[in-house]
Amino acid sequence: MSVLLFYQTVFNTLGFRRAVNATQLFLLAWLIAFFFVTLFQDHPIARNWGAPGHAINWRIFYIVEIATDVALDIFILCLPLPVIHRLHVTNKKRWLINGVFWLGAV
């Protein structure tokens, strides 16, 4: 979320702001969804304290969470690339600017 807020301050075009706002909404929905899946992992909830019941498949849950997290991270890192490529600078400077933004991946 902090990277998206940074993008909003650096790039001030209407289309980019809309894309960042849509990404923030998706990220918030993703966070809420995985929060509630974790919260209600057992059915019934009393299973957490030893009652009989069943739990979610944690292997599938972790695979889905990790895959969507990595995809969302890559999407967020690629979000400013079209704006950077429209800058009126040399190709070398474009690559350097891209490199500065991709340092966030490290």
N, C-alpha and C. Protein backbone atom coordinates (compact mmCIF):
# COMPACT_ATOMS: atom_id res chain seq x y z
N MET A 1 0.83 -1.18 0.00
CA MET A 1 0.00 0.00 0.00
C MET A 1 0.88 1.25 0.00
N SER A 2 2.00 1.18 0.70
CA SER A 2 2.88 2.35 0.75
C SER A 2 3.48 2.66 -0.62
N VAL A 3 3.76 1.63 -1.40
CA VAL A 3 4.29 1.86 -2.74
C VAL A 3 3.24 2.52 -3.62
N LEU A 4 1.99 2.12 -3.49
CA LEU A 4 0.92 2.73 -4.27
C LEU A 4 0.71 4.18 -3.86
N LEU A 5 0.80 4.47 -2.58
CA LEU A 5 0.69 5.87 -2.14
C LEU A 5 1.86 6.70 -2.65
N PHE A 6 3.04 6.10 -2.71
CA PHE A 6 4.20 6.79 -3.29
C PHE A 6 3.97 7.07 -4.77
N TYR A 7 3.44 6.09 -5.49
CA TYR A 7 3.15 6.29 -6.90
C TYR A 7 2.18 7.45 -7.12
N GLN A 8 1.18 7.57 -6.24
CA GLN A 8 0.21 8.66 -6.39
C GLN A 8 0.87 10.02 -6.24
N THR A 9 1.87 10.13 -5.39
CA THR A 9 2.52 11.42 -5.23
C THR A 9 3.50 11.74 -6.36
N VAL A 10 4.11 10.70 -6.92
CA VAL A 10 5.11 10.93 -7.98
C VAL A 10 4.45 11.16 -9.34
N PHE A 11 3.48 10.33 -9.69
CA PHE A 11 2.82 10.41 -10.99
C PHE A 11 1.44 11.01 -10.79
N ASN A 12 1.20 12.14 -11.41
CA ASN A 12 -0.04 12.88 -11.15
C ASN A 12 -0.93 12.98 -12.39
N THR A 13 -1.05 11.91 -13.14
CA THR A 13 -1.97 11.92 -14.27
C THR A 13 -3.27 11.24 -13.88
N LEU A 14 -4.34 11.63 -14.53
CA LEU A 14 -5.66 11.12 -14.16
C LEU A 14 -5.77 9.61 -14.37
N GLY A 15 -5.32 9.13 -15.51
CA GLY A 15 -5.41 7.70 -15.80
C GLY A 15 -4.59 6.87 -14.83
N PHE A 16 -3.40 7.35 -14.49
CA PHE A 16 -2.56 6.61 -13.55
C PHE A 16 -3.16 6.61 -12.16
N ARG A 17 -3.73 7.75 -11.74
CA ARG A 17 -4.38 7.80 -10.43
C ARG A 17 -5.54 6.81 -10.36
N ARG A 18 -6.30 6.69 -11.44
CA ARG A 18 -7.40 5.72 -11.47
C ARG A 18 -6.89 4.30 -11.36
N ALA A 19 -5.80 4.01 -12.05
CA ALA A 19 -5.22 2.67 -11.99
C ALA A 19 -4.71 2.37 -10.58
N VAL A 20 -4.09 3.34 -9.94
CA VAL A 20 -3.58 3.15 -8.58
C VAL A 20 -4.75 2.97 -7.61
N ASN A 21 -5.80 3.77 -7.76
CA ASN A 21 -6.96 3.63 -6.88
C ASN A 21 -7.63 2.27 -7.05
N ALA A 22 -7.74 1.80 -8.29
CA ALA A 22 -8.32 0.47 -8.54
C ALA A 22 -7.44 -0.61 -7.92
N THR A 23 -6.13 -0.46 -8.02
CA THR A 23 -5.22 -1.43 -7.42
C THR A 23 -5.32 -1.41 -5.90
N GLN A 24 -5.47 -0.23 -5.33
CA GLN A 24 -5.64 -0.14 -3.87
C GLN A 24 -6.92 -0.83 -3.43
N LEU A 25 -8.00 -0.64 -4.17
CA LEU A 25 -9.26 -1.31 -3.82
C LEU A 25 -9.12 -2.82 -3.93
N PHE A 26 -8.47 -3.29 -4.98
CA PHE A 26 -8.25 -4.73 -5.14
C PHE A 26 -7.39 -5.27 -4.00
N LEU A 27 -6.34 -4.53 -3.63
CA LEU A 27 -5.47 -4.96 -2.55
C LEU A 27 -6.22 -5.01 -1.22
N LEU A 28 -7.08 -4.05 -0.98
CA LEU A 28 -7.89 -4.05 0.23
C LEU A 28 -8.86 -5.23 0.25
N ALA A 29 -9.48 -5.51 -0.89
CA ALA A 29 -10.39 -6.66 -0.98
C ALA A 29 -9.63 -7.96 -0.77
N TRP A 30 -8.44 -8.06 -1.33
CA TRP A 30 -7.59 -9.24 -1.16
C TRP A 30 -7.26 -9.45 0.31
N LEU A 31 -6.89 -8.36 0.98
CA LEU A 31 -6.55 -8.43 2.40
C LEU A 31 -7.75 -8.87 3.24
N ILE A 32 -8.90 -8.30 2.99
CA ILE A 32 -10.11 -8.66 3.74
C ILE A 32 -10.49 -10.11 3.49
N ALA A 33 -10.41 -10.55 2.26
CA ALA A 33 -10.77 -11.93 1.93
C ALA A 33 -9.89 -12.93 2.67
N PHE A 34 -8.58 -12.74 2.62
CA PHE A 34 -7.68 -13.68 3.28
C PHE A 34 -7.76 -13.56 4.80
N PHE A 35 -8.09 -12.38 5.31
CA PHE A 35 -8.29 -12.23 6.75
C PHE A 35 -9.46 -13.09 7.23
N PHE A 36 -10.58 -13.01 6.52
CA PHE A 36 -11.75 -13.76 6.94
C PHE A 36 -11.59 -15.27 6.71
N VAL A 37 -10.88 -15.66 5.68
CA VAL A 37 -10.61 -17.09 5.49
C VAL A 37 -9.77 -17.61 6.65
N THR A 38 -8.79 -16.84 7.08
CA THR A 38 -7.97 -17.25 8.21
C THR A 38 -8.77 -17.24 9.50
N LEU A 39 -9.62 -16.23 9.66
CA LEU A 39 -10.42 -16.12 10.87
C LEU A 39 -11.39 -17.29 11.02
N PHE A 40 -12.03 -17.66 9.92
CA PHE A 40 -13.02 -18.74 9.95
C PHE A 40 -12.46 -20.02 9.33
N GLN A 41 -11.23 -20.34 9.68
CA GLN A 41 -10.56 -21.51 9.11
C GLN A 41 -11.17 -22.82 9.56
N ASP A 42 -11.79 -22.83 10.70
CA ASP A 42 -12.39 -24.05 11.24
C ASP A 42 -13.91 -23.94 11.22
N HIS A 43 -14.54 -25.09 10.96
CA HIS A 43 -16.00 -25.12 10.98
C HIS A 43 -16.45 -26.25 11.89
N PRO A 44 -17.09 -26.00 12.94
CA PRO A 44 -17.46 -24.72 13.53
C PRO A 44 -16.25 -24.05 14.19
N ILE A 45 -16.41 -22.80 14.53
CA ILE A 45 -15.29 -22.04 15.10
C ILE A 45 -14.82 -22.66 16.41
N ALA A 46 -15.71 -23.33 17.12
CA ALA A 46 -15.35 -23.96 18.39
C ALA A 46 -14.31 -25.07 18.19
N ARG A 47 -14.06 -25.48 16.93
CA ARG A 47 -13.04 -26.49 16.67
C ARG A 47 -11.66 -25.98 17.12
N ASN A 48 -11.46 -24.68 17.16
CA ASN A 48 -10.20 -24.12 17.64
C ASN A 48 -9.91 -24.53 19.08
N TRP A 49 -10.94 -24.85 19.85
CA TRP A 49 -10.78 -25.21 21.26
C TRP A 49 -11.04 -26.69 21.50
N GLY A 50 -11.00 -27.50 20.47
CA GLY A 50 -11.08 -28.93 20.64
C GLY A 50 -12.39 -29.58 20.26
N ALA A 51 -13.37 -28.85 19.80
CA ALA A 51 -14.65 -29.43 19.39
C ALA A 51 -14.46 -30.16 18.06
N PRO A 52 -15.31 -31.12 17.75
CA PRO A 52 -15.20 -31.81 16.46
C PRO A 52 -15.62 -30.90 15.31
N GLY A 53 -15.07 -31.16 14.16
CA GLY A 53 -15.38 -30.37 12.97
C GLY A 53 -14.30 -30.58 11.93
N HIS A 54 -14.19 -29.64 11.00
CA HIS A 54 -13.17 -29.77 9.97
C HIS A 54 -12.55 -28.40 9.69
N ALA A 55 -11.37 -28.42 9.13
CA ALA A 55 -10.63 -27.19 8.82
C ALA A 55 -10.42 -27.10 7.32
N ILE A 56 -9.98 -25.93 6.88
CA ILE A 56 -9.70 -25.74 5.45
C ILE A 56 -8.43 -26.50 5.08
N ASN A 57 -8.24 -26.69 3.79
CA ASN A 57 -7.03 -27.32 3.28
C ASN A 57 -5.93 -26.26 3.25
N TRP A 58 -5.02 -26.33 4.21
CA TRP A 58 -3.99 -25.30 4.33
C TRP A 58 -3.03 -25.28 3.16
N ARG A 59 -2.75 -26.41 2.58
CA ARG A 59 -1.81 -26.46 1.45
C ARG A 59 -2.36 -25.63 0.28
N ILE A 60 -3.61 -25.84 -0.04
CA ILE A 60 -4.23 -25.08 -1.14
C ILE A 60 -4.33 -23.60 -0.77
N PHE A 61 -4.68 -23.32 0.48
CA PHE A 61 -4.79 -21.93 0.94
C PHE A 61 -3.47 -21.20 0.77
N TYR A 62 -2.37 -21.80 1.21
CA TYR A 62 -1.07 -21.15 1.10
C TYR A 62 -0.63 -20.98 -0.35
N ILE A 63 -0.89 -21.96 -1.18
CA ILE A 63 -0.52 -21.85 -2.59
C ILE A 63 -1.28 -20.70 -3.25
N VAL A 64 -2.58 -20.61 -2.98
CA VAL A 64 -3.39 -19.53 -3.57
C VAL A 64 -2.94 -18.18 -3.03
N GLU A 65 -2.67 -18.11 -1.74
CA GLU A 65 -2.24 -16.84 -1.15
C GLU A 65 -0.90 -16.38 -1.71
N ILE A 66 0.05 -17.28 -1.79
CA ILE A 66 1.37 -16.93 -2.29
C ILE A 66 1.31 -16.54 -3.77
N ALA A 67 0.57 -17.30 -4.56
CA ALA A 67 0.48 -17.00 -5.99
C ALA A 67 -0.16 -15.64 -6.23
N THR A 68 -1.25 -15.36 -5.54
CA THR A 68 -1.90 -14.05 -5.74
C THR A 68 -1.05 -12.92 -5.19
N ASP A 69 -0.32 -13.17 -4.11
CA ASP A 69 0.54 -12.15 -3.54
C ASP A 69 1.68 -11.79 -4.49
N VAL A 70 2.31 -12.80 -5.05
CA VAL A 70 3.41 -12.56 -5.99
C VAL A 70 2.90 -11.86 -7.25
N ALA A 71 1.75 -12.29 -7.77
CA ALA A 71 1.18 -11.65 -8.95
C ALA A 71 0.84 -10.19 -8.68
N LEU A 72 0.29 -9.92 -7.51
CA LEU A 72 -0.05 -8.54 -7.16
C LEU A 72 1.20 -7.69 -6.98
N ASP A 73 2.24 -8.25 -6.39
CA ASP A 73 3.51 -7.52 -6.24
C ASP A 73 4.12 -7.17 -7.60
N ILE A 74 4.12 -8.13 -8.50
CA ILE A 74 4.68 -7.87 -9.83
C ILE A 74 3.85 -6.82 -10.56
N PHE A 75 2.52 -6.91 -10.43
CA PHE A 75 1.66 -5.92 -11.07
C PHE A 75 1.93 -4.52 -10.52
N ILE A 76 2.11 -4.41 -9.21
CA ILE A 76 2.37 -3.10 -8.60
C ILE A 76 3.72 -2.56 -9.06
N LEU A 77 4.71 -3.43 -9.17
CA LEU A 77 6.02 -2.97 -9.65
C LEU A 77 5.99 -2.55 -11.12
N CYS A 78 5.13 -3.17 -11.92
CA CYS A 78 5.04 -2.83 -13.34
C CYS A 78 4.09 -1.67 -13.62
N LEU A 79 3.36 -1.24 -12.63
CA LEU A 79 2.35 -0.19 -12.83
C LEU A 79 2.93 1.11 -13.40
N PRO A 80 4.07 1.62 -12.95
CA PRO A 80 4.56 2.89 -13.50
C PRO A 80 5.32 2.76 -14.81
N LEU A 81 5.54 1.55 -15.31
CA LEU A 81 6.35 1.40 -16.53
C LEU A 81 5.79 2.14 -17.74
N PRO A 82 4.48 2.09 -18.02
CA PRO A 82 3.98 2.85 -19.17
C PRO A 82 4.16 4.36 -19.03
N VAL A 83 4.05 4.86 -17.82
CA VAL A 83 4.23 6.30 -17.61
C VAL A 83 5.69 6.68 -17.81
N ILE A 84 6.59 5.84 -17.33
CA ILE A 84 8.02 6.12 -17.48
C ILE A 84 8.42 6.07 -18.95
N HIS A 85 7.85 5.15 -19.70
CA HIS A 85 8.22 5.03 -21.12
C HIS A 85 7.68 6.18 -21.96
N ARG A 86 6.73 6.93 -21.44
CA ARG A 86 6.24 8.11 -22.16
C ARG A 86 7.04 9.37 -21.86
N LEU A 87 8.02 9.28 -20.95
CA LEU A 87 8.84 10.45 -20.63
C LEU A 87 9.71 10.82 -21.83
N HIS A 88 9.99 12.08 -21.94
CA HIS A 88 10.83 12.58 -23.03
C HIS A 88 12.29 12.63 -22.59
N VAL A 89 12.86 11.44 -22.38
CA VAL A 89 14.27 11.32 -21.99
C VAL A 89 14.89 10.24 -22.86
N THR A 90 16.20 10.14 -22.77
CA THR A 90 16.89 9.12 -23.56
C THR A 90 16.58 7.72 -23.03
N ASN A 91 16.83 6.72 -23.86
CA ASN A 91 16.56 5.34 -23.46
C ASN A 91 17.39 4.94 -22.24
N LYS A 92 18.62 5.44 -22.17
CA LYS A 92 19.46 5.12 -21.03
C LYS A 92 18.83 5.63 -19.74
N LYS A 93 18.32 6.85 -19.77
CA LYS A 93 17.68 7.42 -18.58
C LYS A 93 16.39 6.68 -18.23
N ARG A 94 15.66 6.24 -19.25
CA ARG A 94 14.45 5.45 -18.98
C ARG A 94 14.78 4.17 -18.24
N TRP A 95 15.83 3.49 -18.70
CA TRP A 95 16.24 2.25 -18.04
C TRP A 95 16.72 2.52 -16.62
N LEU A 96 17.40 3.63 -16.42
CA LEU A 96 17.85 3.96 -15.07
C LEU A 96 16.67 4.28 -14.16
N ILE A 97 15.68 5.00 -14.67
CA ILE A 97 14.50 5.30 -13.88
C ILE A 97 13.73 4.01 -13.56
N ASN A 98 13.59 3.13 -14.56
CA ASN A 98 12.97 1.82 -14.30
C ASN A 98 13.73 1.06 -13.22
N GLY A 99 15.04 1.10 -13.28
CA GLY A 99 15.84 0.41 -12.28
C GLY A 99 15.63 0.96 -10.87
N VAL A 100 15.46 2.27 -10.76
CA VAL A 100 15.20 2.86 -9.45
C VAL A 100 13.86 2.36 -8.90
N PHE A 101 12.85 2.31 -9.74
CA PHE A 101 11.56 1.83 -9.27
C PHE A 101 11.59 0.33 -8.98
N TRP A 102 12.36 -0.43 -9.73
CA TRP A 102 12.42 -1.87 -9.49
C TRP A 102 13.31 -2.23 -8.31
N LEU A 103 14.02 -1.25 -7.74
CA LEU A 103 14.76 -1.51 -6.51
C LEU A 103 13.82 -1.88 -5.37
N GLY A 104 12.55 -1.50 -5.52
CA GLY A 104 11.55 -1.87 -4.52
C GLY A 104 11.33 -3.37 -4.45
N ALA A 105 11.70 -4.09 -5.50
CA ALA A 105 11.56 -5.55 -5.50
C ALA A 105 12.61 -6.21 -4.65
N VAL A 106 13.69 -5.52 -4.42
CA VAL A 106 14.78 -6.10 -3.63
C VAL A 106 14.48 -5.89 -2.21
